C-alpha atoms as a PDB file:
ATOM      1  CA  MET A   1      13.918   1.699   4.405  1.00  0.00           C
ATOM      2  CA  GLU A   2      11.747   2.946   7.251  1.00  0.00           C
ATOM      3  CA  ARG A   3       8.058   2.087   7.598  1.00  0.00           C
ATOM      4  CA  ALA A   4       7.178   5.791   7.423  1.00  0.00           C
ATOM      5  CA  GLU A   5       8.839   6.061   4.000  1.00  0.00           C
ATOM      6  CA  ILE A   6       6.782   3.119   2.750  1.00  0.00           C
ATOM      7  CA  VAL A   7       3.595   4.720   4.098  1.00  0.00           C
ATOM      8  CA  VAL A   8       4.433   7.903   2.142  1.00  0.00           C
ATOM      9  CA  VAL A   9       4.751   5.878  -1.086  1.00  0.00           C
ATOM     10  CA  ILE A  10       1.485   4.030  -0.484  1.00  0.00           C
ATOM     11  CA  VAL A  11      -0.377   7.253   0.402  1.00  0.00           C
ATOM     12  CA  LYS A  12       0.939   8.875  -2.782  1.00  0.00           C
ATOM     13  CA  HIS A  13      -0.568   6.050  -4.837  1.00  0.00           C
ATOM     14  CA  ILE A  14      -3.849   6.137  -2.892  1.00  0.00           C
ATOM     15  CA  LYS A  15      -4.159   9.869  -3.657  1.00  0.00           C
ATOM     16  CA  GLN A  16      -3.501   9.213  -7.361  1.00  0.00           C
ATOM     17  CA  ASN A  17      -6.222   6.563  -7.571  1.00  0.00           C
ATOM     18  CA  VAL A  18      -8.885   7.597  -5.039  1.00  0.00           C
ATOM     19  CA  PRO A  19      -9.859  11.245  -5.574  1.00  0.00           C
ATOM     20  CA  THR A  20     -11.981  11.354  -2.407  1.00  0.00           C
ATOM     21  CA  PHE A  21      -9.109  10.201  -0.160  1.00  0.00           C
ATOM     22  CA  ASP A  22      -8.306  12.624   2.667  1.00  0.00           C
ATOM     23  CA  GLU A  23      -4.776  12.007   3.901  1.00  0.00           C
ATOM     24  CA  SER A  24      -5.528  13.680   7.239  1.00  0.00           C
ATOM     25  CA  SER A  25      -7.971  10.868   8.050  1.00  0.00           C
ATOM     26  CA  LEU A  26      -5.446   8.086   7.387  1.00  0.00           C
ATOM     27  CA  ASP A  27      -5.779   5.140   9.757  1.00  0.00           C
ATOM     28  CA  THR A  28      -3.474   2.356   8.591  1.00  0.00           C
ATOM     29  CA  SER A  29      -5.509  -0.224  10.492  1.00  0.00           C
ATOM     30  CA  GLN A  30      -8.267   0.300   7.885  1.00  0.00           C
ATOM     31  CA  SER A  31      -8.487  -1.345   4.473  1.00  0.00           C
ATOM     32  CA  LEU A  32      -8.013   0.476   1.185  1.00  0.00           C
ATOM     33  CA  ALA A  33     -11.686  -0.226   0.449  1.00  0.00           C
ATOM     34  CA  PHE A  34     -12.604   1.718   3.604  1.00  0.00           C
ATOM     35  CA  TYR A  35     -11.228   4.823   1.859  1.00  0.00           C
ATOM     36  CA  GLY A  36     -13.295   4.201  -1.269  1.00  0.00           C
ATOM     37  CA  ALA A  37     -10.801   2.224  -3.349  1.00  0.00           C
ATOM     38  CA  SER A  38     -12.404  -0.178  -5.806  1.00  0.00           C
ATOM     39  CA  SER A  39     -10.759  -3.516  -6.550  1.00  0.00           C
ATOM     40  CA  LEU A  40      -9.182  -1.950  -9.660  1.00  0.00           C
ATOM     41  CA  ASP A  41      -7.954   1.009  -7.598  1.00  0.00           C
ATOM     42  CA  ILE A  42      -6.364  -1.396  -5.113  1.00  0.00           C
ATOM     43  CA  VAL A  43      -4.528  -3.194  -7.926  1.00  0.00           C
ATOM     44  CA  GLU A  44      -3.250   0.159  -9.231  1.00  0.00           C
ATOM     45  CA  ILE A  45      -2.219   1.354  -5.744  1.00  0.00           C
ATOM     46  CA  VAL A  46      -0.364  -1.844  -4.874  1.00  0.00           C
ATOM     47  CA  SER A  47       1.221  -2.215  -8.324  1.00  0.00           C
ATOM     48  CA  GLY A  48       2.346   1.410  -8.409  1.00  0.00           C
ATOM     49  CA  ALA A  49       3.839   1.212  -4.927  1.00  0.00           C
ATOM     50  CA  MET A  50       5.626  -2.041  -5.769  1.00  0.00           C
ATOM     51  CA  ARG A  51       7.124  -0.496  -8.928  1.00  0.00           C
ATOM     52  CA  GLU A  52       8.258   2.588  -7.045  1.00  0.00           C
ATOM     53  CA  LEU A  53       9.756   0.527  -4.221  1.00  0.00           C
ATOM     54  CA  ARG A  54      11.256  -1.950  -6.709  1.00  0.00           C
ATOM     55  CA  ILE A  55       9.858  -5.028  -5.027  1.00  0.00           C
ATOM     56  CA  LYS A  56       7.878  -8.030  -6.205  1.00  0.00           C
ATOM     57  CA  VAL A  57       5.212  -9.681  -4.103  1.00  0.00           C
ATOM     58  CA  PRO A  58       3.575 -13.012  -4.952  1.00  0.00           C
ATOM     59  CA  ARG A  59      -0.184 -12.712  -5.443  1.00  0.00           C
ATOM     60  CA  THR A  60      -0.728 -15.313  -2.752  1.00  0.00           C
ATOM     61  CA  GLU A  61       0.888 -12.965  -0.220  1.00  0.00           C
ATOM     62  CA  LEU A  62      -1.193  -9.996  -1.377  1.00  0.00           C
ATOM     63  CA  ALA A  63      -4.406 -11.990  -0.999  1.00  0.00           C
ATOM     64  CA  LYS A  64      -3.713 -12.373   2.744  1.00  0.00           C
ATOM     65  CA  LEU A  65      -3.603  -8.630   3.429  1.00  0.00           C
ATOM     66  CA  LYS A  66      -6.498  -7.109   5.363  1.00  0.00           C
ATOM     67  CA  CYS A  67      -5.411  -3.508   5.995  1.00  0.00           C
ATOM     68  CA  ILE A  68      -2.879  -0.860   5.012  1.00  0.00           C
ATOM     69  CA  ASP A  69      -0.670  -1.851   7.975  1.00  0.00           C
ATOM     70  CA  ASP A  70      -0.433  -5.381   6.565  1.00  0.00           C
ATOM     71  CA  LEU A  71       0.700  -3.960   3.219  1.00  0.00           C
ATOM     72  CA  VAL A  72       3.256  -1.677   4.879  1.00  0.00           C
ATOM     73  CA  ASN A  73       4.591  -4.552   6.986  1.00  0.00           C
ATOM     74  CA  LEU A  74       4.939  -6.805   3.948  1.00  0.00           C
ATOM     75  CA  PHE A  75       6.696  -4.142   1.886  1.00  0.00           C
ATOM     76  CA  HIS A  76       8.942  -3.255   4.852  1.00  0.00           C
ATOM     77  CA  THR A  77       9.957  -6.902   5.284  1.00  0.00           C
ATOM     78  CA  LEU A  78      10.720  -7.242   1.565  1.00  0.00           C
ATOM     79  CA  LYS A  79      12.657  -3.964   1.371  1.00  0.00           C
ATOM     80  CA  GLY A  80      14.668  -5.035   4.390  1.00  0.00           C
ATOM     81  CA  SER A  81      15.609  -8.334   2.798  1.00  0.00           C
ATOM     82  CA  ASN A  82      16.491  -6.608  -0.503  1.00  0.00           C
ATOM     83  CA  SER A  83      18.636  -3.863   1.013  1.00  0.00           C
END
């Protein structure tokens, strides 16, 4: 699975959980909180994307993530190893 496909999934879940999110302003080097996501929103975004991508990520790995790029990279690595 390509990184761009993972970004599409994550953006879909951001839009579902953060009504003020403007996709045209997406900068993946920013955090989800930068776009107005609360801690609950972040849990919903990450959980929804993981379900859709059919991957499981240990909480300890998620705690290390600082920005959307980190999340995409982690999901990309896991999808690559599961393919």
